[in-house]
Amino acid sequence: MGLWIFDTGVDVIFIIDIVLGFFTTYFNTGSGDEIWSPKHIAKRYLIESFLIDFLSTLPVALGPMVEVATSSDPVKRAVLGRLVGILGMFKIVRVRRISKMISNLNQSQELKAQLKRLNTIFILFIYVHALACILWYFFKQESVWVPPLDFMYVVTDLFKADQTILH
């Protein structure tokens, strides 16, 4: 239940980010002017990054619909549930913008350096988490995972994938 609340909270933050994307000014690279026109801002946002933002936020809207639409067929529900989860992976692409936002801050170089370090640590945590999820998926395919350093002459169920791969 707590994980669902956290996941929904993250999705709500990304929905707010989409709304703010339509109101965030930008600098014209040709003239160097800051563009304030809502029409130009919306057009640029729709062309450049709206699709990825929308796809990454789609799971919050699709989740309940998938459960209701496929509640009679558990196989369809599982497949569509995984598809919705994969669409959520687009959130990682959105995180790449943090570095660009830090560079554009109107703050001291020291503060920007500290924020960039924190951003690097955050991205490392995301990569480690993603790798752990991939390992967990592959190890979960087998019923028992025996690492190379397991006991040679003793049969044991100590190293089961669902008990040892924690992230």
Protein backbone atom coordinates (compact mmCIF):
# COMPACT_ATOMS: atom_id res chain seq x y z
CA MET A 1 0.00 0.00 0.00
CA GLY A 2 2.83 2.40 0.87
CA LEU A 3 4.58 1.69 -2.42
CA TRP A 4 1.38 2.42 -4.35
CA ILE A 5 0.98 5.75 -2.53
CA PHE A 6 4.60 6.66 -3.28
CA ASP A 7 4.24 5.67 -6.96
CA THR A 8 1.02 7.65 -7.31
CA GLY A 9 2.67 10.65 -5.64
CA VAL A 10 5.54 10.51 -8.13
CA ASP A 11 3.06 10.31 -11.00
CA VAL A 12 1.18 13.34 -9.65
CA ILE A 13 4.46 15.27 -9.51
CA PHE A 14 5.12 14.35 -13.14
CA ILE A 15 1.59 15.49 -14.09
CA ILE A 16 2.30 18.84 -12.43
CA ASP A 17 5.56 18.96 -14.41
CA ILE A 18 3.60 18.51 -17.65
CA VAL A 19 1.31 21.40 -16.74
CA LEU A 20 4.29 23.59 -15.83
CA GLY A 21 5.94 22.65 -19.14
CA PHE A 22 3.29 24.67 -20.94
CA PHE A 23 4.18 27.79 -18.93
CA THR A 24 7.97 27.58 -18.67
CA THR A 25 9.78 30.22 -20.71
CA TYR A 26 12.83 29.39 -22.78
CA PHE A 27 15.67 31.18 -24.52
CA ASN A 28 15.73 31.43 -28.29
CA THR A 29 19.16 30.14 -29.28
CA GLY A 30 19.27 32.28 -32.41
CA SER A 31 18.49 35.67 -30.90
CA GLY A 32 19.24 35.05 -27.23
CA ASP A 33 15.83 36.43 -26.23
CA GLU A 34 13.68 34.85 -23.56
CA ILE A 35 10.39 33.69 -25.08
CA TRP A 36 7.33 34.56 -22.98
CA SER A 37 4.56 33.93 -25.54
CA PRO A 38 2.28 31.11 -24.31
CA LYS A 39 1.62 30.07 -27.91
CA HIS A 40 5.33 29.67 -28.71
CA ILE A 41 6.05 27.97 -25.37
CA ALA A 42 3.25 25.44 -25.88
CA LYS A 43 4.27 24.76 -29.48
CA ARG A 44 7.91 24.15 -28.50
CA TYR A 45 6.92 21.92 -25.57
CA LEU A 46 4.53 19.85 -27.71
CA ILE A 47 7.21 19.32 -30.36
CA GLU A 48 10.22 18.65 -28.12
CA SER A 49 9.22 16.72 -25.02
CA PHE A 50 5.48 16.41 -24.47
CA LEU A 51 5.26 12.89 -25.92
CA ILE A 52 7.86 11.43 -23.56
CA ASP A 53 6.36 13.32 -20.62
CA PHE A 54 2.89 12.05 -21.46
CA LEU A 55 3.99 8.44 -21.96
CA SER A 56 5.87 8.44 -18.66
CA THR A 57 2.81 9.74 -16.82
CA LEU A 58 0.38 7.44 -18.63
CA PRO A 59 0.53 4.64 -16.02
CA VAL A 60 -1.31 6.74 -13.44
CA ALA A 61 -4.20 7.16 -15.88
CA LEU A 62 -4.10 3.67 -17.40
CA GLY A 63 -3.64 1.62 -14.25
CA PRO A 64 -7.26 1.57 -13.01
CA MET A 65 -8.61 1.30 -16.57
CA VAL A 66 -6.45 -1.75 -17.30
CA GLU A 67 -7.65 -3.49 -14.15
CA VAL A 68 -11.32 -2.81 -14.88
CA ALA A 69 -11.13 -3.60 -18.60
CA THR A 70 -9.33 -6.91 -18.19
CA SER A 71 -10.49 -8.08 -14.77
CA SER A 72 -12.00 -11.27 -16.24
CA ASP A 73 -8.80 -12.41 -18.00
CA PRO A 74 -5.78 -12.60 -15.67
CA VAL A 75 -3.32 -13.18 -18.53
CA LYS A 76 -4.38 -9.98 -20.33
CA ARG A 77 -4.29 -8.09 -17.05
CA ALA A 78 -0.72 -9.27 -16.40
CA VAL A 79 0.49 -8.40 -19.90
CA LEU A 80 -1.15 -4.96 -19.91
CA GLY A 81 0.07 -4.33 -16.38
CA ARG A 82 3.65 -4.99 -17.52
CA LEU A 83 3.18 -2.71 -20.53
CA VAL A 84 1.97 0.07 -18.26
CA GLY A 85 5.01 -0.51 -16.04
CA ILE A 86 7.36 -0.31 -19.03
CA LEU A 87 5.79 2.99 -20.06
CA GLY A 88 6.67 4.24 -16.59
CA MET A 89 10.34 3.71 -17.45
CA PHE A 90 10.14 6.89 -19.55
CA LYS A 91 10.44 8.73 -16.23
CA ILE A 92 14.16 8.00 -16.37
CA VAL A 93 14.38 9.99 -19.60
CA ARG A 94 12.75 12.93 -17.85
CA VAL A 95 15.35 12.89 -15.09
CA ARG A 96 18.03 13.84 -17.62
CA ARG A 97 16.61 17.36 -17.67
CA ILE A 98 17.69 18.00 -14.09
CA SER A 99 21.28 18.64 -15.15
CA LYS A 100 20.16 21.17 -17.75
CA MET A 101 17.98 22.94 -15.19
CA ILE A 102 20.89 23.12 -12.75
CA SER A 103 23.10 24.70 -15.42
CA ASN A 104 20.47 27.36 -16.12
CA LEU A 105 20.00 28.33 -12.47
CA ASN A 106 20.78 31.90 -11.52
CA GLN A 107 22.91 30.84 -8.55
CA SER A 108 26.57 30.75 -7.57
CA GLN A 109 28.94 28.26 -9.18
CA GLU A 110 29.50 26.56 -5.80
CA LEU A 111 25.80 25.84 -5.37
CA LYS A 112 25.56 24.57 -8.95
CA ALA A 113 28.52 22.26 -8.33
CA GLN A 114 26.89 20.85 -5.19
CA LEU A 115 23.60 20.30 -7.01
CA LYS A 116 25.40 18.58 -9.88
CA ARG A 117 27.09 16.23 -7.40
CA LEU A 118 23.73 15.39 -5.84
CA ASN A 119 22.28 14.86 -9.31
CA THR A 120 25.11 12.46 -10.17
CA ILE A 121 24.52 10.48 -6.97
CA PHE A 122 20.79 10.38 -7.73
CA ILE A 123 21.40 9.09 -11.26
CA LEU A 124 23.80 6.44 -9.93
CA PHE A 125 21.09 5.25 -7.55
CA ILE A 126 18.66 5.02 -10.47
CA TYR A 127 21.14 2.99 -12.53
CA VAL A 128 21.91 0.62 -9.66
CA HIS A 129 18.19 0.19 -9.02
CA ALA A 130 17.51 -0.52 -12.71
CA LEU A 131 20.34 -3.09 -12.84
CA ALA A 132 19.04 -4.76 -9.68
CA CYS A 133 15.57 -4.97 -11.23
CA ILE A 134 17.00 -6.55 -14.37
CA LEU A 135 19.00 -9.07 -12.32
CA TRP A 136 15.95 -9.85 -10.20
CA TYR A 137 13.90 -10.48 -13.34
CA PHE A 138 16.47 -12.90 -14.79
CA PHE A 139 17.05 -14.71 -11.52
CA LYS A 140 13.31 -15.00 -10.95
CA GLN A 141 12.99 -17.00 -14.19
CA GLU A 142 14.65 -19.98 -12.51
CA SER A 143 13.03 -21.48 -9.44
CA VAL A 144 16.34 -21.77 -7.58
CA TRP A 145 19.43 -19.69 -8.14
CA VAL A 146 22.67 -21.24 -6.96
CA PRO A 147 25.62 -18.86 -7.02
CA PRO A 148 29.06 -20.21 -7.95
CA LEU A 149 30.23 -20.12 -4.33
CA ASP A 150 27.39 -22.24 -2.97
CA PHE A 151 28.15 -25.32 -0.90
CA MET A 152 29.74 -27.98 -3.11
CA TYR A 153 28.44 -31.16 -1.52
CA VAL A 154 25.30 -30.03 0.26
CA VAL A 155 21.91 -29.46 -1.37
CA THR A 156 20.39 -26.32 0.10
CA ASP A 157 17.52 -23.96 -0.57
CA LEU A 158 19.37 -21.10 1.11
CA PHE A 159 19.96 -19.19 -2.13
CA LYS A 160 16.54 -18.70 -3.64
CA ALA A 161 16.22 -15.76 -5.99
CA ASP A 162 13.21 -14.22 -4.30
CA GLN A 163 14.99 -14.20 -0.93
CA THR A 164 18.48 -13.03 -1.87
CA ILE A 165 17.94 -10.38 -4.55
CA LEU A 166 16.83 -7.36 -2.59
CA HIS A 167 17.21 -3.80 -3.75
